[in-house]
């Protein structure tokens, strides 16, 4: 038992140090993005591109929200990949109400490309050269009025060349209220908090749901070409741009952007879990390092503490006097994992504003999401060693 205890300590202590080094950056992070009113110099400065594939059930809030953005938004290009569910019809209705909307169909998918970056690349190529900024947005997002002005003003004030936002997630069903926060925590453990300027390009984080980039920068890297084969194209492209010396930011957008990603726990497990490993944007060494860290500080603490509490042998009765001292390594291991659980619940409290649970059925399960941590880490392990064969209904060879 002592050998196992020492092994676990050797596994967990350095991982805990890395985790703490990241979390301690939190107090100095950039505050959340606020909605703002546009000013005249922003006139027509942004082109929005939305990739779609069978999004009829969830694109309407985005179309309505984009129409409410002001004159800083020059055009909204919806690039549809031959949807069969009426998505183009909804876009055509939006065109009748707002001439800034345009609908186009992307060309057949070339070998080596994934559908989403291919659609965004086509949208970029067909966007106006008069726009200073390119903004990629997903069909499941719900931007608040003032999002684009607030985002552009922040990017210009902080001299970002690329900036993306973490949203507020809308939860509806019990299973996702329990599982989704545990999956999100795998990102919080691996990367700096949103709002912290990460110095190493290979550790940059990004979110393609709201992805603002200077048009000149995107042109300099040939659009989405360098991320064309990536199932996490947002992170891949952001890291490639950071490696070229441009300033990349990842900020808290919970006050200006909501998203309804997946319906229920099963879809969340299947769809989001496929890209959370970020293997397409990482080296093999980085991937293994992240897996080790997640296993050590997120998957292990709960089982270790529960094992000690419920399965450790009871003390003999009558108790000898005086009590023999407990083995120091065992106490250290229990204390370390108790400390990690305290951190975990503190982070849960910290990310609560990133979730909209007002209409959720079983929203209280959010507070039990730490119990799903071993399952969430298992999902990352499974994804890390499998290449996706299907994404958003599109099959890949």
Protein backbone atom coordinates (compact mmCIF):
# COMPACT_ATOMS: atom_id res chain seq x y z
CA UNK A 1 0.00 0.00 0.00
CA UNK A 2 2.86 2.41 0.80
CA UNK A 3 4.38 1.83 -2.66
CA UNK A 4 1.03 2.67 -4.27
CA UNK A 5 0.70 5.74 -2.04
CA UNK A 6 4.16 6.97 -3.00
CA UNK A 7 3.43 6.34 -6.68
CA UNK A 8 0.21 8.36 -6.49
CA UNK A 9 2.00 11.19 -4.72
CA UNK A 10 4.69 11.25 -7.40
CA UNK A 11 1.95 11.32 -10.01
CA UNK A 12 -0.18 14.01 -8.41
CA UNK A 13 2.18 16.48 -6.71
CA UNK A 14 3.78 17.93 -9.88
CA UNK A 15 0.39 17.97 -11.65
CA UNK A 16 -1.08 19.91 -8.71
CA UNK A 17 1.76 22.43 -8.91
CA UNK A 18 1.05 23.00 -12.62
CA UNK A 19 -2.66 23.39 -11.95
CA UNK A 20 -2.04 25.94 -9.18
CA UNK A 21 0.37 27.91 -11.38
CA UNK A 22 -2.46 28.35 -13.89
CA UNK A 23 -5.22 29.09 -11.42
CA UNK A 24 -3.15 31.74 -9.64
CA UNK A 25 -3.22 33.79 -12.85
CA UNK A 26 -6.99 34.16 -12.54
CA UNK A 27 -7.14 37.30 -10.36
CA UNK A 28 -5.19 39.28 -12.99
CA UNK A 29 -7.30 38.27 -15.97
CA UNK A 30 -9.13 40.63 -18.31
CA UNK A 31 -12.67 41.34 -17.09
CA UNK A 32 -15.61 39.85 -19.02
CA UNK A 33 -16.58 41.53 -22.29
CA UNK A 34 -19.45 44.01 -21.94
CA UNK A 35 -21.93 44.98 -24.67
CA UNK A 36 -21.14 48.39 -26.15
CA UNK A 37 -22.63 50.88 -28.57
CA UNK A 38 -20.78 51.31 -31.87
CA UNK A 39 -19.01 54.54 -32.74
CA UNK A 40 -18.70 56.03 -36.27
CA UNK A 41 -15.20 54.68 -36.93
CA UNK A 42 -16.59 51.13 -36.73
CA UNK A 43 -18.97 51.66 -39.65
CA UNK A 44 -18.97 48.54 -41.86
CA UNK A 45 -15.85 47.14 -40.22
CA UNK A 46 -17.02 43.55 -39.61
CA UNK A 47 -17.99 40.66 -41.91
CA UNK A 48 -19.70 37.75 -40.16
CA UNK A 49 -19.50 34.22 -41.60
CA UNK A 50 -21.76 31.43 -40.31
CA UNK A 51 -21.14 27.82 -41.45
CA UNK A 52 -24.30 25.69 -41.52
CA UNK A 53 -25.26 22.08 -42.03
CA UNK A 54 -28.82 21.13 -41.05
CA UNK A 55 -29.20 23.86 -38.41
CA UNK A 56 -32.91 24.66 -38.91
CA UNK A 57 -33.82 23.78 -35.32
CA UNK A 58 -31.39 26.22 -33.75
CA UNK A 59 -30.26 28.94 -36.18
CA UNK A 60 -33.24 31.30 -35.80
CA UNK A 61 -32.02 32.96 -32.54
CA UNK A 62 -28.66 33.71 -34.21
CA UNK A 63 -30.27 35.22 -37.33
CA UNK A 64 -32.51 37.42 -35.20
CA UNK A 65 -29.63 38.44 -32.94
CA UNK A 66 -27.34 39.36 -35.83
CA UNK A 67 -30.08 41.56 -37.31
CA UNK A 68 -30.09 43.51 -34.05
CA UNK A 69 -26.39 44.33 -34.32
CA UNK A 70 -25.74 47.87 -35.48
CA UNK A 71 -23.89 49.56 -38.35
CA UNK A 72 -20.50 48.09 -37.44
CA UNK A 73 -21.74 44.88 -39.11
CA UNK A 74 -21.24 45.16 -42.87
CA UNK A 75 -22.47 41.72 -43.98
CA UNK A 76 -23.57 38.32 -42.73
CA UNK A 77 -22.56 35.45 -45.02
CA UNK A 78 -24.20 32.10 -44.30
CA UNK A 79 -22.22 29.31 -45.95
CA UNK A 80 -24.47 26.29 -46.20
CA UNK A 81 -23.15 22.79 -46.89
CA UNK A 82 -26.24 21.52 -48.71
CA UNK A 83 -28.56 21.29 -45.71
CA UNK A 84 -31.60 19.06 -46.14
CA UNK A 85 -33.72 20.40 -43.26
CA UNK A 86 -34.80 23.82 -44.50
CA UNK A 87 -31.88 25.84 -43.14
CA UNK A 88 -31.48 27.81 -46.42
CA UNK A 89 -35.17 28.75 -46.34
CA UNK A 90 -34.76 30.36 -42.93
CA UNK A 91 -31.77 32.33 -44.21
CA UNK A 92 -33.75 33.47 -47.27
CA UNK A 93 -36.46 34.79 -44.95
CA UNK A 94 -33.78 36.71 -43.02
CA UNK A 95 -32.49 38.17 -46.30
CA UNK A 96 -35.93 39.63 -46.98
CA UNK A 97 -35.82 41.48 -43.66
CA UNK A 98 -32.13 42.47 -43.61
CA UNK A 99 -30.12 43.02 -46.83
CA UNK A 100 -26.87 42.45 -44.96
CA UNK A 101 -27.56 38.68 -45.10
CA UNK A 102 -26.14 36.61 -47.95
CA UNK A 103 -26.51 32.89 -48.61
CA UNK A 104 -23.96 30.79 -50.47
CA UNK A 105 -23.18 27.11 -50.84
CA UNK A 106 -19.62 25.93 -50.39
CA UNK A 107 -17.89 23.94 -53.11
CA UNK A 108 -17.53 20.15 -52.77
CA UNK A 109 -15.30 19.26 -49.84
CA UNK A 110 -11.70 18.73 -51.02
CA UNK A 111 -9.62 15.80 -49.74
CA UNK A 112 -7.98 16.53 -46.41
CA UNK A 113 -10.48 19.18 -45.33
CA UNK A 114 -13.06 19.06 -42.55
CA UNK A 115 -16.44 20.60 -43.36
CA UNK A 116 -16.50 23.43 -40.85
CA UNK A 117 -13.14 25.07 -41.70
CA UNK A 118 -13.88 24.57 -45.41
CA UNK A 119 -17.14 26.50 -45.09
CA UNK A 120 -15.46 29.26 -43.09
CA UNK A 121 -12.62 29.44 -45.62
CA UNK A 122 -15.12 29.87 -48.45
CA UNK A 123 -16.95 32.54 -46.51
CA UNK A 124 -13.71 34.39 -45.91
CA UNK A 125 -12.81 34.28 -49.61
CA UNK A 126 -16.22 35.75 -50.52
CA UNK A 127 -16.30 38.39 -47.79
CA UNK A 128 -15.80 42.08 -48.48
CA UNK A 129 -12.23 43.35 -48.58
CA UNK A 130 -13.58 46.57 -47.11
CA UNK A 131 -14.12 44.91 -43.74
CA UNK A 132 -11.28 45.19 -41.28
CA UNK A 133 -12.50 42.25 -39.18
CA UNK A 134 -13.68 38.72 -39.92
CA UNK A 135 -16.04 37.18 -37.35
CA UNK A 136 -16.83 33.48 -37.49
CA UNK A 137 -19.93 32.46 -35.54
CA UNK A 138 -21.63 29.10 -35.07
CA UNK A 139 -25.32 28.56 -35.79
CA UNK A 140 -26.04 27.59 -32.17
CA UNK A 141 -24.90 30.93 -30.71
CA UNK A 142 -27.15 33.69 -29.41
CA UNK A 143 -25.26 37.02 -29.33
CA UNK A 144 -26.64 39.91 -27.31
CA UNK A 145 -27.04 43.39 -28.86
CA UNK A 146 -23.73 45.20 -28.57
CA UNK A 147 -21.64 42.03 -28.76
CA UNK A 148 -19.81 42.91 -31.96
CA UNK A 149 -19.12 46.51 -30.98
CA UNK A 150 -17.89 45.41 -27.56
CA UNK A 151 -15.71 42.70 -29.06
CA UNK A 152 -14.12 44.95 -31.70
CA UNK A 153 -13.52 47.81 -29.27
CA UNK A 154 -11.85 45.44 -26.83
CA UNK A 155 -9.69 43.93 -29.58
CA UNK A 156 -8.56 47.36 -30.73
CA UNK A 157 -7.95 48.67 -27.20
CA UNK A 158 -5.88 45.59 -26.27
CA UNK A 159 -4.26 45.40 -29.73
CA UNK A 160 -5.44 41.85 -30.37
CA UNK A 161 -5.12 40.45 -33.87
CA UNK A 162 -7.42 37.57 -32.98
CA UNK A 163 -9.79 37.22 -30.05
CA UNK A 164 -12.45 34.62 -29.26
CA UNK A 165 -14.94 34.30 -26.43
CA UNK A 166 -16.04 31.71 -23.93
CA UNK A 167 -19.88 31.85 -23.86
CA UNK A 168 -22.61 31.25 -21.33
CA UNK A 169 -23.93 27.72 -21.88
CA UNK A 170 -27.67 27.09 -21.87
CA UNK A 171 -28.58 23.87 -20.05
CA UNK A 172 -31.99 22.19 -20.31
CA UNK A 173 -31.89 18.51 -19.31
CA UNK A 174 -30.66 16.68 -16.17
CA UNK A 175 -27.94 14.60 -17.82
CA UNK A 176 -26.21 17.54 -19.45
CA UNK A 177 -26.50 19.61 -16.24
CA UNK A 178 -24.40 16.90 -14.60
CA UNK A 179 -21.97 15.97 -17.39
CA UNK A 180 -21.32 19.18 -19.34
CA UNK A 181 -19.65 21.15 -16.52
CA UNK A 182 -17.29 18.22 -15.89
CA UNK A 183 -16.31 18.20 -19.57
CA UNK A 184 -15.77 21.97 -19.52
CA UNK A 185 -13.57 21.55 -16.44
CA UNK A 186 -11.15 19.48 -18.51
CA UNK A 187 -10.39 22.67 -20.45
CA UNK A 188 -10.10 24.84 -17.33
CA UNK A 189 -7.56 22.45 -15.85
CA UNK A 190 -5.40 22.30 -18.98
CA UNK A 191 -5.23 25.97 -19.97
CA UNK A 192 -4.92 29.44 -18.51
CA UNK A 193 -8.19 31.10 -17.43
CA UNK A 194 -10.12 33.09 -20.02
CA UNK A 195 -8.77 36.64 -19.99
CA UNK A 196 -5.14 35.68 -19.34
CA UNK A 197 -2.68 36.42 -22.14
CA UNK A 198 -0.94 33.09 -22.74
CA UNK A 199 2.66 33.55 -23.85
CA UNK A 200 3.32 30.15 -25.45
CA UNK A 201 1.57 29.72 -28.83
CA UNK A 202 1.15 25.97 -28.24
CA UNK A 203 -0.92 26.68 -25.09
CA UNK A 204 -3.24 29.25 -26.67
CA UNK A 205 -6.96 28.54 -26.29
CA UNK A 206 -9.73 29.64 -28.66
CA UNK A 207 -13.42 29.13 -29.35
CA UNK A 208 -14.73 29.12 -32.89
CA UNK A 209 -18.28 29.87 -31.77
CA UNK A 210 -17.26 33.53 -31.68
CA UNK A 211 -13.93 34.03 -33.43
CA UNK A 212 -12.84 37.57 -34.41
CA UNK A 213 -9.72 38.03 -36.52
CA UNK A 214 -8.24 40.91 -38.46
CA UNK A 215 -8.89 40.29 -42.12
CA UNK A 216 -5.28 41.18 -42.98
CA UNK A 217 -4.01 38.57 -40.53
CA UNK A 218 -6.32 35.88 -41.87
CA UNK A 219 -5.20 36.74 -45.41
CA UNK A 220 -1.55 36.50 -44.34
CA UNK A 221 -2.04 32.87 -43.20
CA UNK A 222 -4.16 31.94 -46.26
CA UNK A 223 -7.47 31.81 -44.45
CA UNK A 224 -8.29 28.50 -42.81
CA UNK A 225 -5.86 26.49 -44.95
CA UNK A 226 -3.49 25.68 -42.10
CA UNK A 227 -6.42 24.27 -40.06
CA UNK A 228 -8.32 22.67 -42.92
CA UNK A 229 -7.92 19.10 -41.71
CA UNK A 230 -8.46 19.82 -38.02
CA UNK A 231 -11.54 18.81 -36.03
CA UNK A 232 -10.64 21.63 -33.62
CA UNK A 233 -9.92 24.18 -36.33
CA UNK A 234 -10.47 27.15 -34.01
CA UNK A 235 -7.63 26.19 -31.64
CA UNK A 236 -5.40 25.00 -34.48
CA UNK A 237 -5.77 28.26 -36.41
CA UNK A 238 -5.36 30.42 -33.31
CA UNK A 239 -2.13 28.63 -32.38
CA UNK A 240 -0.80 28.92 -35.92
CA UNK A 241 -1.56 32.65 -35.92
CA UNK A 242 0.06 33.08 -32.48
CA UNK A 243 3.14 31.21 -33.74
CA UNK A 244 3.46 33.85 -36.49
CA UNK A 245 3.87 36.53 -33.82
CA UNK A 246 0.34 37.95 -33.78
CA UNK A 247 -1.44 38.72 -30.52
CA UNK A 248 -4.19 36.21 -29.70
CA UNK A 249 -6.69 36.52 -26.86
CA UNK A 250 -9.34 34.30 -25.29
CA UNK A 251 -11.79 36.27 -23.14
CA UNK A 252 -14.86 35.74 -20.99
CA UNK A 253 -17.96 36.43 -23.08
CA UNK A 254 -20.64 35.13 -20.69
CA UNK A 255 -22.26 38.60 -20.51
CA UNK A 256 -22.69 38.97 -24.27
CA UNK A 257 -22.95 35.49 -25.78
CA UNK A 258 -25.06 32.43 -25.07
CA UNK A 259 -24.92 29.05 -26.77
CA UNK A 260 -27.10 25.97 -26.84
CA UNK A 261 -24.62 23.38 -28.04
CA UNK A 262 -26.16 19.92 -27.74
CA UNK A 263 -29.43 18.32 -26.73
CA UNK A 264 -28.92 16.11 -23.71
CA UNK A 265 -26.06 14.17 -22.17
CA UNK A 266 -25.68 11.60 -24.96
CA UNK A 267 -25.24 14.18 -27.69
CA UNK A 268 -22.90 16.17 -25.45
CA UNK A 269 -20.81 13.03 -24.84
CA UNK A 270 -20.72 12.13 -28.52
CA UNK A 271 -20.29 15.46 -30.29
CA UNK A 272 -18.41 17.74 -27.91
CA UNK A 273 -16.26 14.96 -26.54
CA UNK A 274 -14.81 14.33 -29.99
CA UNK A 275 -12.92 17.60 -30.12
CA UNK A 276 -12.16 18.33 -26.46
CA UNK A 277 -8.88 16.40 -26.57
CA UNK A 278 -7.54 19.04 -29.04
CA UNK A 279 -5.17 16.46 -30.48
CA UNK A 280 -5.31 18.08 -33.94
CA UNK A 281 -3.84 21.26 -32.45
CA UNK A 282 -1.30 19.60 -30.14
CA UNK A 283 1.95 17.70 -30.33
CA UNK A 284 2.00 14.12 -29.11
CA UNK A 285 4.04 15.14 -26.04
CA UNK A 286 1.57 17.91 -25.20
CA UNK A 287 -1.36 15.53 -25.59
CA UNK A 288 0.18 12.98 -23.23
CA UNK A 289 1.06 15.72 -20.76
CA UNK A 290 -2.52 16.95 -20.72
CA UNK A 291 -3.85 13.43 -20.25
CA UNK A 292 -1.51 12.89 -17.32
CA UNK A 293 -2.59 16.16 -15.70
CA UNK A 294 -6.31 15.44 -16.10
CA UNK A 295 -5.92 11.92 -14.73
CA UNK A 296 -3.88 13.14 -11.77
CA UNK A 297 -5.85 16.18 -10.63
CA UNK A 298 -9.37 15.68 -11.98
CA UNK A 299 -10.05 11.94 -12.30
CA UNK A 300 -8.25 10.61 -9.20
CA UNK A 301 -9.16 12.85 -6.23
CA UNK A 302 -12.75 11.69 -5.76
CA UNK A 303 -12.01 7.92 -6.01
CA UNK A 304 -9.02 8.26 -3.68
CA UNK A 305 -10.95 10.13 -0.99
CA UNK A 306 -13.95 7.81 -1.24
CA UNK A 307 -11.71 4.75 -1.10
CA UNK A 308 -10.02 6.03 2.06
CA UNK A 309 -13.33 6.92 3.72
CA UNK A 310 -15.26 3.78 2.91
CA UNK A 311 -12.78 1.00 2.18
CA UNK A 312 -9.84 1.63 4.50
CA UNK A 313 -9.65 -0.98 7.29
CA UNK A 314 -11.27 0.15 10.56
CA UNK A 315 -9.13 0.87 13.53
CA UNK A 316 -8.95 -2.07 15.99
CA UNK A 317 -11.09 -2.04 19.12
CA UNK A 318 -10.22 -1.56 21.89
CA UNK A 319 -7.85 1.17 20.68
CA UNK A 320 -4.29 0.89 21.89
CA UNK A 321 -3.03 3.79 23.94
CA UNK A 322 -1.35 5.88 22.79
CA UNK A 323 -2.50 5.67 19.14
CA UNK A 324 0.30 4.86 16.76
CA UNK A 325 0.97 7.68 14.31
CA UNK A 326 -0.61 7.26 10.88
CA UNK A 327 1.73 6.71 7.98
CA UNK A 328 2.83 10.13 6.73
CA UNK A 329 2.53 9.28 3.00
CA UNK A 330 -1.07 8.20 3.49
CA UNK A 331 -1.95 11.42 5.30
CA UNK A 332 -0.20 13.43 2.61
CA UNK A 333 -2.11 11.63 -0.12
CA UNK A 334 -5.44 12.10 1.62
CA UNK A 335 -4.70 15.76 2.34
CA UNK A 336 -3.61 16.44 -1.23
CA UNK A 337 -6.73 14.90 -2.73
CA UNK A 338 -8.96 16.63 -0.21
CA UNK A 339 -7.29 19.89 -1.27
CA UNK A 340 -7.90 19.06 -4.94
CA UNK A 341 -11.59 18.44 -4.23
CA UNK A 342 -11.81 21.81 -2.48
CA UNK A 343 -10.30 23.42 -5.59
CA UNK A 344 -12.76 21.55 -7.78
CA UNK A 345 -15.82 22.77 -5.90
CA UNK A 346 -14.40 26.29 -5.74
CA UNK A 347 -14.01 26.25 -9.52
CA UNK A 348 -17.56 24.98 -9.86
CA UNK A 349 -18.76 28.00 -7.93
CA UNK A 350 -16.55 30.25 -10.07
CA UNK A 351 -17.95 28.94 -13.38
CA UNK A 352 -21.60 29.04 -12.26
CA UNK A 353 -22.14 32.39 -14.09
CA UNK A 354 -21.04 30.62 -17.30
CA UNK A 355 -24.23 28.54 -17.23
CA UNK A 356 -27.82 29.55 -17.84
CA UNK A 357 -29.88 27.08 -15.79
CA UNK A 358 -33.01 29.19 -15.41
CA UNK A 359 -35.16 26.84 -17.52
CA UNK A 360 -33.19 23.64 -16.88
CA UNK A 361 -34.92 20.50 -15.71
CA UNK A 362 -32.73 19.21 -12.89
CA UNK A 363 -30.48 22.27 -12.82
CA UNK A 364 -29.41 21.36 -9.27
CA UNK A 365 -27.38 18.50 -10.77
CA UNK A 366 -24.88 21.14 -11.86
CA UNK A 367 -23.61 21.17 -8.27
CA UNK A 368 -23.02 17.41 -8.41
CA UNK A 369 -20.98 17.59 -11.62
CA UNK A 370 -17.69 16.82 -9.77
CA UNK A 371 -19.05 13.28 -9.45
CA UNK A 372 -18.84 13.08 -13.26
CA UNK A 373 -15.15 14.03 -13.38
CA UNK A 374 -13.78 10.48 -13.85
CA UNK A 375 -16.27 9.96 -16.70
CA UNK A 376 -15.32 13.27 -18.32
CA UNK A 377 -11.62 12.43 -18.19
CA UNK A 378 -12.38 8.98 -19.64
CA UNK A 379 -14.09 10.74 -22.56
CA UNK A 380 -10.95 12.75 -23.25
CA UNK A 381 -8.83 9.58 -23.19
CA UNK A 382 -11.20 7.82 -25.61
CA UNK A 383 -11.21 10.77 -27.98
CA UNK A 384 -7.43 11.23 -27.85
CA UNK A 385 -6.82 7.85 -29.48
CA UNK A 386 -9.60 7.86 -32.06
CA UNK A 387 -9.94 9.77 -35.31
CA UNK A 388 -13.50 11.02 -35.85
CA UNK A 389 -15.34 9.35 -38.73
CA UNK A 390 -18.44 11.53 -38.56
CA UNK A 391 -19.01 15.15 -37.57
CA UNK A 392 -22.33 16.97 -37.56
CA UNK A 393 -23.83 14.27 -39.80
CA UNK A 394 -21.02 14.38 -42.36
CA UNK A 395 -18.93 11.23 -42.78
CA UNK A 396 -15.17 11.21 -43.31
CA UNK A 397 -12.99 8.46 -44.69
